[in-house]
Amino acid sequence: MALRKPTRRNGKAQERPKYQCRHCANSYDWHEIGYDGKPFLCRCPYKQQGGKFCIFLKDPACDEHFKLRPDYAEADKQV
């Protein structure tokens, strides 16, 4: 199976966000375990009507409310 190349718009590669919702301290209620045994859905008090609906953990993190989770901050220091 061939690997997909990043999509391009106007000849430029799209930038990937540095952080995702899984890196944010505001995300909670991680659930819906995938085939790999890891959760892929969560809730956020700032998205989807105050957490009424679920969002994907891989969604890009919002800039105005983002707080880095302490466990990810420690992992960044070790690298």
Protein backbone atom coordinates (compact mmCIF):
# COMPACT_ATOMS: atom_id res chain seq x y z
CA MET A 1 0.00 0.00 0.00
CA ALA A 2 1.40 3.38 -0.98
CA LEU A 3 1.90 6.08 1.63
CA ARG A 4 -0.03 9.30 1.18
CA LYS A 5 1.83 12.51 0.67
CA PRO A 6 0.74 15.61 2.60
CA THR A 7 -1.97 17.48 0.78
CA ARG A 8 -0.92 20.67 -0.90
CA ARG A 9 -2.86 23.82 -1.52
CA ASN A 10 -1.47 26.44 -3.89
CA GLY A 11 1.82 24.53 -4.09
CA LYS A 12 2.52 24.73 -0.34
CA ALA A 13 2.32 21.88 2.14
CA GLN A 14 -0.24 22.38 4.88
CA GLU A 15 1.23 22.99 8.32
CA ARG A 16 0.36 20.53 11.03
CA PRO A 17 -0.53 21.97 14.42
CA LYS A 18 2.11 21.55 17.10
CA TYR A 19 -0.37 20.28 19.69
CA GLN A 20 -3.58 18.28 19.59
CA CYS A 21 -6.47 17.98 22.03
CA ARG A 22 -4.71 15.00 23.63
CA HIS A 23 -1.95 17.37 24.79
CA CYS A 24 -4.38 19.79 26.48
CA ALA A 25 -5.11 19.76 30.21
CA ASN A 26 -8.72 20.83 29.53
CA SER A 27 -9.62 17.59 27.72
CA TYR A 28 -11.44 15.08 29.89
CA ASP A 29 -13.53 11.89 29.69
CA TRP A 30 -11.24 10.09 27.26
CA HIS A 31 -13.29 7.16 25.93
CA GLU A 32 -14.17 4.95 22.94
CA ILE A 33 -11.23 2.59 22.84
CA GLY A 34 -9.92 1.92 19.33
CA TYR A 35 -8.48 -1.24 17.80
CA ASP A 36 -5.04 -0.36 19.21
CA GLY A 37 -6.37 -0.22 22.79
CA LYS A 38 -6.13 3.57 23.13
CA PRO A 39 -9.00 6.07 23.47
CA PHE A 40 -9.75 8.37 20.55
CA LEU A 41 -12.62 10.58 21.78
CA CYS A 42 -12.78 13.17 24.58
CA ARG A 43 -14.76 16.15 25.80
CA CYS A 44 -13.70 19.76 26.22
CA PRO A 45 -15.44 22.52 28.19
CA TYR A 46 -14.62 25.03 25.43
CA LYS A 47 -15.69 23.06 22.34
CA GLN A 48 -18.95 21.47 21.14
CA GLN A 49 -21.41 23.37 23.34
CA GLY A 50 -19.42 23.14 26.57
CA GLY A 51 -18.59 19.44 26.39
CA LYS A 52 -22.06 18.26 25.43
CA PHE A 53 -20.65 16.46 22.38
CA CYS A 54 -17.41 14.53 21.91
CA ILE A 55 -14.37 15.58 19.91
CA PHE A 56 -11.42 13.60 18.56
CA LEU A 57 -8.21 13.55 20.55
CA LYS A 58 -6.33 14.18 17.30
CA ASP A 59 -8.15 17.48 16.60
CA PRO A 60 -5.92 20.56 16.58
CA ALA A 61 -5.75 22.30 19.94
CA CYS A 62 -7.37 25.72 20.25
CA ASP A 63 -4.98 28.63 20.81
CA GLU A 64 -6.99 30.69 23.28
CA HIS A 65 -7.75 27.98 25.89
CA PHE A 66 -4.84 25.56 25.48
CA LYS A 67 -2.93 24.40 28.58
CA LEU A 68 -0.21 21.76 28.23
CA ARG A 69 -0.79 18.61 30.28
CA PRO A 70 1.87 18.13 32.98
CA ASP A 71 2.73 14.60 31.78
CA TYR A 72 3.47 15.89 28.26
CA ALA A 73 5.51 18.82 29.58
CA GLU A 74 7.81 16.39 31.44
CA ALA A 75 8.19 14.20 28.34
CA ASP A 76 9.24 17.25 26.27
CA LYS A 77 11.99 18.11 28.79
CA GLN A 78 13.50 14.62 28.62
CA VAL A 79 13.88 14.68 24.84
